[in-house]
């Protein structure tokens, strides 16, 4: 997906989102005395455990913030809600902010906190595979992600690291909507699928698939998800962004100082459809691969790596300035 196409989709999605927001938010009551902040997350996943710890442990309220959480179901939709003014903060891959800035947007998105430092998805096969190697994907159909999105780009990044051409060596199916690949795989499509949790574990539980590789482990450290807001909102609400970041830092410190079982018990109300034992299993999987940073600082070296991945994927022609799209002052203050 080229940048101009991305922006067109953002504009189209923003109009649809304006119509949808009253449905999503109408039942949320604003809490007296607290600053109301609408957070649009790209997906609702155990992968983002520190955020849910901050919500469930009341860290946002401690900082004077009333969080309204909305799920965008895709980075393009999450970014569209941000630029439409229907969300105050967006949580997604930072590539969306790079695309927006590259198109010359004046009120571009600034990243102020990085949550995850590894990819959160897994490669699922139809049968257990002993001693899996990535060259096993050659000439196989894999259910992949949206072109230009972090899940797909990191997948292709791994393939290239293993001397596999994503365009000619593997049949990557990108025709299935976000969130529907697990169901499609269960229905017989593809020989492999790339899945987030809890879909990967659900496929294992049902016997429809088996996790054979972690993209988070095999890609190494990458700035997978971060929080951003528009340049205008940041300028006008610095105190709110600081309090938001401080609450997130408390959540980060909790997951880095407690067991997967304890983390699972805290975030369980966010995932009522999943039993706590399964949540613990998934948290353990992320915990053991060092998914979460110990602070929220989005370092320049990480941003450089992100741009390398974007350029390697053919999604970015010219680099964008780190000091324009990343502000580390809030994350740095939060750990003091």
Protein backbone atom coordinates (compact mmCIF):
# COMPACT_ATOMS: atom_id res chain seq x y z
CA UNK A 1 0.00 0.00 0.00
CA UNK A 2 1.58 3.26 -1.07
CA UNK A 3 1.42 6.30 1.18
CA UNK A 4 -1.14 8.22 -0.89
CA UNK A 5 -3.44 5.20 -0.79
CA UNK A 6 -2.98 5.04 2.97
CA UNK A 7 -4.06 8.66 3.37
CA UNK A 8 -7.11 8.14 1.14
CA UNK A 9 -8.12 5.20 3.28
CA UNK A 10 -7.63 7.29 6.40
CA UNK A 11 -9.93 9.98 5.11
CA UNK A 12 -12.58 7.46 4.10
CA UNK A 13 -12.31 5.66 7.41
CA UNK A 14 -12.48 8.92 9.35
CA UNK A 15 -15.88 9.73 7.85
CA UNK A 16 -17.17 6.29 8.73
CA UNK A 17 -15.69 6.55 12.20
CA UNK A 18 -17.45 9.84 12.88
CA UNK A 19 -20.75 8.05 12.24
CA UNK A 20 -19.73 5.04 14.32
CA UNK A 21 -18.30 6.74 17.40
CA UNK A 22 -21.66 7.56 19.04
CA UNK A 23 -22.48 3.85 18.92
CA UNK A 24 -19.13 2.90 20.43
CA UNK A 25 -19.02 5.51 23.14
CA UNK A 26 -22.61 6.33 23.99
CA UNK A 27 -22.73 4.01 26.99
CA UNK A 28 -19.53 5.36 28.60
CA UNK A 29 -20.13 7.81 31.42
CA UNK A 30 -17.54 10.47 32.11
CA UNK A 31 -16.29 10.39 35.69
CA UNK A 32 -16.61 13.59 37.66
CA UNK A 33 -13.40 15.48 38.36
CA UNK A 34 -11.29 13.46 35.94
CA UNK A 35 -9.94 14.45 32.54
CA UNK A 36 -11.69 12.36 29.90
CA UNK A 37 -9.33 10.78 27.35
CA UNK A 38 -10.46 8.63 24.43
CA UNK A 39 -7.85 6.01 23.58
CA UNK A 40 -8.25 4.14 20.30
CA UNK A 41 -6.25 0.90 20.28
CA UNK A 42 -5.42 -0.96 17.07
CA UNK A 43 -6.61 -4.27 18.56
CA UNK A 44 -7.71 -5.66 21.91
CA UNK A 45 -4.99 -8.16 22.69
CA UNK A 46 -3.24 -9.68 25.71
CA UNK A 47 -0.11 -8.52 23.87
CA UNK A 48 -0.82 -5.10 25.39
CA UNK A 49 -0.98 -6.33 28.99
CA UNK A 50 0.72 -3.29 30.62
CA UNK A 51 -2.04 -1.03 29.28
CA UNK A 52 -4.78 -3.21 30.75
CA UNK A 53 -2.93 -3.47 34.06
CA UNK A 54 -2.91 0.34 34.17
CA UNK A 55 -6.66 0.37 33.53
CA UNK A 56 -7.64 -2.42 35.93
CA UNK A 57 -5.34 -1.28 38.76
CA UNK A 58 -6.72 2.24 38.55
CA UNK A 59 -3.44 3.89 37.59
CA UNK A 60 -5.14 6.25 35.13
CA UNK A 61 -7.64 7.38 37.75
CA UNK A 62 -4.76 7.91 40.20
CA UNK A 63 -3.35 10.34 37.64
CA UNK A 64 -6.70 12.11 37.21
CA UNK A 65 -7.65 10.51 33.89
CA UNK A 66 -10.91 8.85 32.89
CA UNK A 67 -9.98 6.46 30.07
CA UNK A 68 -12.49 5.56 27.39
CA UNK A 69 -11.11 2.62 25.43
CA UNK A 70 -12.20 2.06 21.82
CA UNK A 71 -10.84 -0.66 19.51
CA UNK A 72 -10.11 0.44 15.95
CA UNK A 73 -9.49 -3.02 14.43
CA UNK A 74 -6.62 -1.88 12.22
CA UNK A 75 -3.96 0.84 12.24
CA UNK A 76 -5.56 2.73 9.36
CA UNK A 77 -8.85 2.93 11.25
CA UNK A 78 -7.15 3.91 14.51
CA UNK A 79 -5.21 6.68 12.78
CA UNK A 80 -8.34 7.88 11.00
CA UNK A 81 -10.08 8.31 14.36
CA UNK A 82 -7.14 10.36 15.58
CA UNK A 83 -6.98 12.74 12.63
CA UNK A 84 -10.78 13.06 12.66
CA UNK A 85 -10.60 14.28 16.26
CA UNK A 86 -12.68 11.38 17.57
CA UNK A 87 -9.80 9.96 19.59
CA UNK A 88 -7.32 11.88 21.73
CA UNK A 89 -4.63 9.20 21.65
CA UNK A 90 -3.97 6.41 19.18
CA UNK A 91 -2.20 3.16 19.96
CA UNK A 92 -0.78 1.33 16.92
CA UNK A 93 2.38 0.74 14.95
CA UNK A 94 4.39 3.94 14.45
CA UNK A 95 4.51 3.30 10.71
CA UNK A 96 1.12 5.02 10.44
CA UNK A 97 2.58 8.26 11.77
CA UNK A 98 5.45 7.97 9.29
CA UNK A 99 3.02 7.59 6.38
CA UNK A 100 0.95 10.56 7.54
CA UNK A 101 3.96 12.85 7.90
CA UNK A 102 5.37 11.72 4.55
CA UNK A 103 2.20 12.92 2.85
CA UNK A 104 2.77 16.43 4.19
CA UNK A 105 0.09 16.52 6.90
CA UNK A 106 0.47 19.67 9.01
CA UNK A 107 -1.27 18.23 12.08
CA UNK A 108 0.75 15.03 12.00
CA UNK A 109 0.91 12.37 14.73
CA UNK A 110 3.70 12.45 17.33
CA UNK A 111 4.74 9.27 19.13
CA UNK A 112 5.35 9.82 22.84
CA UNK A 113 5.53 6.31 24.33
CA UNK A 114 6.62 2.88 23.06
CA UNK A 115 4.95 -0.13 24.69
CA UNK A 116 6.17 -3.29 22.96
CA UNK A 117 9.67 -4.08 21.71
CA UNK A 118 8.93 -7.33 19.91
CA UNK A 119 6.33 -8.50 17.42
CA UNK A 120 3.34 -10.08 19.11
CA UNK A 121 2.23 -12.59 16.50
CA UNK A 122 3.00 -16.24 15.86
CA UNK A 123 3.24 -18.55 12.88
CA UNK A 124 0.62 -21.29 13.09
CA UNK A 125 0.78 -24.51 11.06
CA UNK A 126 -1.89 -27.15 10.49
CA UNK A 127 0.21 -29.85 12.13
CA UNK A 128 2.95 -29.84 14.77
CA UNK A 129 6.35 -29.22 13.19
CA UNK A 130 9.55 -30.45 14.81
CA UNK A 131 12.63 -28.30 14.21
CA UNK A 132 10.77 -25.67 12.21
CA UNK A 133 12.78 -23.55 9.80
CA UNK A 134 11.49 -20.64 7.75
CA UNK A 135 12.43 -22.24 4.43
CA UNK A 136 9.57 -24.68 5.08
CA UNK A 137 7.29 -21.86 3.90
CA UNK A 138 8.60 -21.96 0.35
CA UNK A 139 5.76 -22.55 -2.14
CA UNK A 140 3.26 -22.65 0.74
CA UNK A 141 0.17 -20.44 1.18
CA UNK A 142 0.34 -18.25 4.28
CA UNK A 143 -2.51 -16.07 5.53
CA UNK A 144 -0.74 -12.76 6.07
CA UNK A 145 -1.56 -9.20 7.06
CA UNK A 146 -2.42 -5.88 5.44
CA UNK A 147 0.22 -4.51 3.10
CA UNK A 148 2.08 -1.66 4.76
CA UNK A 149 1.11 -2.77 8.29
CA UNK A 150 3.65 -3.84 10.90
CA UNK A 151 2.48 -7.49 11.16
CA UNK A 152 3.00 -8.07 7.45
CA UNK A 153 6.20 -6.05 7.18
CA UNK A 154 7.83 -7.83 10.12
CA UNK A 155 6.81 -11.18 8.62
CA UNK A 156 8.44 -10.23 5.32
CA UNK A 157 11.46 -8.85 7.21
CA UNK A 158 11.96 -12.29 8.79
CA UNK A 159 11.58 -14.04 5.45
CA UNK A 160 14.24 -11.82 3.90
CA UNK A 161 16.56 -12.43 6.87
CA UNK A 162 16.25 -16.11 5.99
CA UNK A 163 16.96 -15.54 2.28
CA UNK A 164 13.34 -16.06 1.26
CA UNK A 165 11.73 -13.74 -1.28
CA UNK A 166 8.22 -12.84 0.01
CA UNK A 167 7.01 -12.12 -3.52
CA UNK A 168 8.27 -15.20 -5.35
CA UNK A 169 9.04 -17.89 -2.78
CA UNK A 170 5.89 -17.75 -0.65
CA UNK A 171 2.20 -17.41 -1.50
CA UNK A 172 1.07 -14.75 0.96
CA UNK A 173 -2.71 -14.32 1.04
CA UNK A 174 -3.53 -10.72 1.99
CA UNK A 175 -7.17 -10.77 0.93
CA UNK A 176 -8.62 -11.58 4.35
CA UNK A 177 -9.69 -8.81 6.71
CA UNK A 178 -7.88 -8.16 9.98
CA UNK A 179 -9.23 -10.42 12.70
CA UNK A 180 -10.71 -12.97 10.29
CA UNK A 181 -7.63 -14.99 9.38
CA UNK A 182 -7.97 -17.50 12.23
CA UNK A 183 -11.54 -18.32 11.19
CA UNK A 184 -10.45 -18.62 7.56
CA UNK A 185 -7.62 -20.93 8.59
CA UNK A 186 -10.04 -23.08 10.61
CA UNK A 187 -12.23 -23.17 7.52
CA UNK A 188 -9.46 -24.66 5.41
CA UNK A 189 -7.70 -21.66 3.85
CA UNK A 190 -3.91 -21.57 3.84
CA UNK A 191 -1.23 -23.96 5.03
CA UNK A 192 0.08 -21.50 7.61
CA UNK A 193 -1.33 -18.36 9.20
CA UNK A 194 0.19 -15.47 11.13
CA UNK A 195 -1.86 -14.85 14.28
CA UNK A 196 -1.93 -12.67 17.37
CA UNK A 197 -3.11 -13.95 20.72
CA UNK A 198 -5.56 -15.17 21.79
CA UNK A 199 -6.27 -16.46 18.24
CA UNK A 200 -3.06 -18.51 18.08
CA UNK A 201 -3.82 -20.30 21.35
CA UNK A 202 -7.48 -20.73 20.36
CA UNK A 203 -6.40 -22.54 17.18
CA UNK A 204 -4.21 -24.83 19.28
CA UNK A 205 -7.00 -25.47 21.77
CA UNK A 206 -9.42 -26.42 19.00
CA UNK A 207 -6.83 -28.63 17.30
CA UNK A 208 -7.00 -26.55 14.11
CA UNK A 209 -3.44 -25.28 14.31
CA UNK A 210 -0.13 -25.36 16.16
CA UNK A 211 2.28 -22.53 16.94
CA UNK A 212 5.60 -23.33 15.27
CA UNK A 213 7.44 -20.00 15.48
CA UNK A 214 7.34 -16.63 17.22
CA UNK A 215 7.75 -13.61 14.96
CA UNK A 216 8.76 -11.66 18.06
CA UNK A 217 11.72 -13.93 18.71
CA UNK A 218 12.82 -14.34 15.11
CA UNK A 219 12.57 -10.67 14.14
CA UNK A 220 14.52 -9.46 17.17
CA UNK A 221 13.78 -6.18 18.91
CA UNK A 222 11.52 -3.93 16.85
CA UNK A 223 9.38 -0.92 17.91
CA UNK A 224 6.11 -2.71 17.28
CA UNK A 225 3.51 -0.49 18.96
CA UNK A 226 3.49 3.01 20.38
CA UNK A 227 1.15 5.75 21.56
CA UNK A 228 0.72 8.90 19.53
CA UNK A 229 -1.41 12.00 19.39
CA UNK A 230 -1.74 14.87 16.96
CA UNK A 231 0.73 17.72 17.05
CA UNK A 232 -2.10 20.08 18.01
CA UNK A 233 -3.46 17.93 20.85
CA UNK A 234 0.07 17.48 22.22
CA UNK A 235 0.70 21.23 22.22
CA UNK A 236 -2.58 21.94 24.01
CA UNK A 237 -2.63 19.03 26.47
CA UNK A 238 0.91 18.41 27.68
CA UNK A 239 -0.19 17.85 31.27
CA UNK A 240 -2.73 15.23 30.22
CA UNK A 241 -0.18 13.39 28.06
CA UNK A 242 2.28 13.41 30.98
CA UNK A 243 -0.28 11.94 33.36
CA UNK A 244 -1.32 9.35 30.78
CA UNK A 245 2.31 8.32 30.28
CA UNK A 246 2.93 8.12 34.02
CA UNK A 247 -0.05 5.76 34.42
CA UNK A 248 1.27 3.58 31.59
CA UNK A 249 4.70 3.48 33.21
CA UNK A 250 3.11 2.14 36.39
CA UNK A 251 1.51 -0.62 34.30
CA UNK A 252 4.87 -1.36 32.69
CA UNK A 253 6.57 -1.59 36.08
CA UNK A 254 3.88 -3.95 37.32
CA UNK A 255 4.32 -6.48 34.49
CA UNK A 256 8.08 -6.35 34.95
CA UNK A 257 7.85 -7.08 38.68
CA UNK A 258 5.02 -9.64 38.87
CA UNK A 259 4.47 -13.19 37.67
CA UNK A 260 2.43 -14.09 34.58
CA UNK A 261 -0.19 -15.57 36.91
CA UNK A 262 -0.53 -12.29 38.79
CA UNK A 263 -0.67 -10.30 35.56
CA UNK A 264 -3.31 -12.64 34.13
CA UNK A 265 -5.51 -12.26 37.20
CA UNK A 266 -5.36 -8.46 36.95
CA UNK A 267 -6.22 -8.19 33.25
CA UNK A 268 -8.79 -11.01 33.19
CA UNK A 269 -11.79 -8.58 33.30
CA UNK A 270 -10.60 -7.20 29.94
CA UNK A 271 -10.93 -10.65 28.36
CA UNK A 272 -14.12 -12.12 29.79
CA UNK A 273 -14.42 -14.59 26.92
CA UNK A 274 -11.07 -16.19 27.84
CA UNK A 275 -10.50 -18.23 31.01
CA UNK A 276 -7.75 -17.02 33.33
CA UNK A 277 -5.63 -20.15 32.79
CA UNK A 278 -5.48 -19.44 29.06
CA UNK A 279 -4.70 -15.79 29.72
CA UNK A 280 -1.83 -16.87 31.97
CA UNK A 281 -0.50 -19.18 29.24
CA UNK A 282 -0.54 -16.33 26.73
CA UNK A 283 0.99 -13.82 29.15
CA UNK A 284 3.75 -16.34 29.88
CA UNK A 285 4.47 -16.69 26.17
CA UNK A 286 4.90 -12.92 25.83
CA UNK A 287 6.69 -12.60 29.16
CA UNK A 288 9.34 -15.16 28.28
CA UNK A 289 10.20 -13.52 24.95
CA UNK A 290 10.85 -10.12 26.59
CA UNK A 291 7.94 -8.40 24.85
CA UNK A 292 7.61 -5.33 27.06
CA UNK A 293 10.15 -2.60 27.64
CA UNK A 294 11.04 -1.52 31.17
CA UNK A 295 10.30 2.07 30.20
CA UNK A 296 8.31 3.86 27.50
CA UNK A 297 11.13 5.78 25.82
CA UNK A 298 11.00 5.44 22.02
CA UNK A 299 14.70 5.54 21.24
CA UNK A 300 16.15 6.89 18.00
CA UNK A 301 17.84 3.58 17.17
CA UNK A 302 14.43 1.87 17.31
CA UNK A 303 12.91 4.51 15.05
CA UNK A 304 15.79 4.04 12.60
CA UNK A 305 15.13 0.29 12.54
CA UNK A 306 11.45 0.94 11.88
CA UNK A 307 12.31 3.12 8.89
CA UNK A 308 14.73 0.47 7.62
CA UNK A 309 11.88 -2.05 7.68
CA UNK A 310 9.55 0.39 5.90
CA UNK A 311 12.08 1.16 3.20
CA UNK A 312 12.95 -2.51 2.77
CA UNK A 313 9.25 -3.24 2.29
CA UNK A 314 8.99 -0.52 -0.36
CA UNK A 315 6.57 1.55 1.75
CA UNK A 316 8.87 4.53 2.36
CA UNK A 317 11.07 6.39 -0.12
CA UNK A 318 12.54 9.12 2.08
CA UNK A 319 13.32 9.03 5.76
CA UNK A 320 11.39 11.27 8.13
CA UNK A 321 12.93 13.19 11.07
CA UNK A 322 12.96 11.43 14.43
CA UNK A 323 12.75 14.69 16.36
CA UNK A 324 9.50 15.61 14.57
CA UNK A 325 7.67 12.31 15.02
CA UNK A 326 8.95 11.24 18.44
CA UNK A 327 8.88 13.15 21.73
CA UNK A 328 10.59 11.24 24.54
CA UNK A 329 10.22 13.92 27.22
CA UNK A 330 7.01 12.47 28.68
CA UNK A 331 8.39 8.92 28.95
CA UNK A 332 11.64 10.19 30.43
CA UNK A 333 9.76 12.22 33.05
CA UNK A 334 7.55 9.25 33.91
CA UNK A 335 10.47 7.15 35.16
CA UNK A 336 11.89 9.85 37.43
